[in-house]
Protein backbone atom coordinates (compact mmCIF):
# COMPACT_ATOMS: atom_id res chain seq x y z
CA MET A 1 -8.05 -10.06 5.60
CA LYS A 2 -7.04 -8.80 2.21
CA ILE A 3 -4.78 -5.86 1.44
CA GLY A 4 -5.22 -3.83 -1.73
CA LEU A 5 -2.58 -1.43 -2.95
CA ASP A 6 -3.25 1.15 -5.69
CA ILE A 7 -0.23 2.84 -7.23
CA GLY A 8 -1.17 6.08 -8.96
CA GLY A 9 0.79 8.78 -10.69
CA SER A 10 1.12 10.97 -7.62
CA HIS A 11 -0.01 8.82 -4.70
CA ILE A 12 -0.27 5.33 -3.26
CA ALA A 13 -3.46 4.14 -1.57
CA ILE A 14 -3.75 1.03 0.57
CA GLY A 15 -6.86 -0.56 2.02
CA VAL A 16 -7.75 -3.60 4.09
CA VAL A 17 -11.00 -5.51 3.80
CA ASN A 18 -12.32 -8.27 6.04
CA ASP A 19 -13.84 -11.58 4.93
CA ASN A 20 -17.14 -9.78 4.17
CA TYR A 21 -15.25 -7.32 1.92
CA GLU A 22 -15.95 -4.45 4.30
CA LEU A 23 -13.28 -1.75 4.29
CA ILE A 24 -11.70 -1.68 7.72
CA LEU A 25 -8.61 0.44 7.12
CA LYS A 26 -7.46 2.89 4.45
CA LYS A 27 -4.37 5.09 4.06
CA GLU A 28 -2.94 7.24 1.29
CA ASN A 29 0.53 8.66 0.74
CA GLU A 30 1.49 11.33 -1.71
CA ILE A 31 4.59 10.41 -3.70
CA LYS A 32 7.20 13.16 -3.72
CA ILE A 33 10.30 12.55 -5.79
CA SER A 34 13.11 15.08 -6.09
CA GLU A 35 15.39 15.30 -9.11
CA THR A 36 18.21 13.63 -7.16
CA GLN A 37 16.15 10.59 -6.10
CA ASN A 38 15.66 7.34 -7.97
CA PRO A 39 11.88 7.16 -8.68
CA ASN A 40 11.80 3.35 -8.52
CA GLU A 41 13.56 3.35 -5.17
CA VAL A 42 11.23 5.99 -3.71
CA LEU A 43 8.16 4.11 -4.94
CA LEU A 44 9.38 0.75 -3.64
CA ASN A 45 10.32 2.19 -0.24
CA ASN A 46 6.86 3.81 0.07
CA ILE A 47 5.12 0.54 -0.81
CA ILE A 48 7.20 -1.48 1.64
CA GLN A 49 6.66 1.03 4.45
CA MET A 50 2.88 1.17 3.89
CA ILE A 51 2.50 -2.62 3.79
CA GLU A 52 4.70 -3.07 6.89
CA ASN A 53 2.63 -0.48 8.80
CA ILE A 54 -0.64 -2.20 7.87
CA ILE A 55 0.70 -5.63 8.81
CA LYS A 56 1.82 -4.28 12.21
CA LYS A 57 -1.74 -3.07 12.83
CA ILE A 58 -3.62 -6.18 11.73
CA GLY A 59 -1.00 -8.89 12.36
CA LYS A 60 0.72 -10.85 9.61
CA GLU A 61 -1.17 -14.01 10.56
CA ASN A 62 -4.38 -12.23 9.50
CA VAL A 63 -3.16 -11.35 5.98
CA GLU A 64 -4.75 -13.65 3.43
CA LEU A 65 -3.46 -11.91 0.30
CA ILE A 66 -2.09 -8.69 -1.10
CA GLY A 67 -3.25 -7.32 -4.45
CA ILE A 68 -1.54 -4.50 -6.33
CA SER A 69 -2.86 -2.33 -9.15
CA ALA A 70 -0.64 0.02 -11.15
CA PRO A 71 -0.88 2.06 -14.34
CA ARG A 72 0.82 0.86 -17.49
């Protein structure tokens, strides 16, 4: 299975496709950053948490690759 992660300006979306490229799982998180938080840290923690949750559901042995898209 393949994991795709899309980092947007206000949210992160993650999806999993099987070998036939059929979407089997999708989640989105809104990114909320307060003035006292480090934006990079918040973003990284969100990404790690989302990927860990997906891997728990599908099993790490089933992960073929992880792709990430982000704005410039």
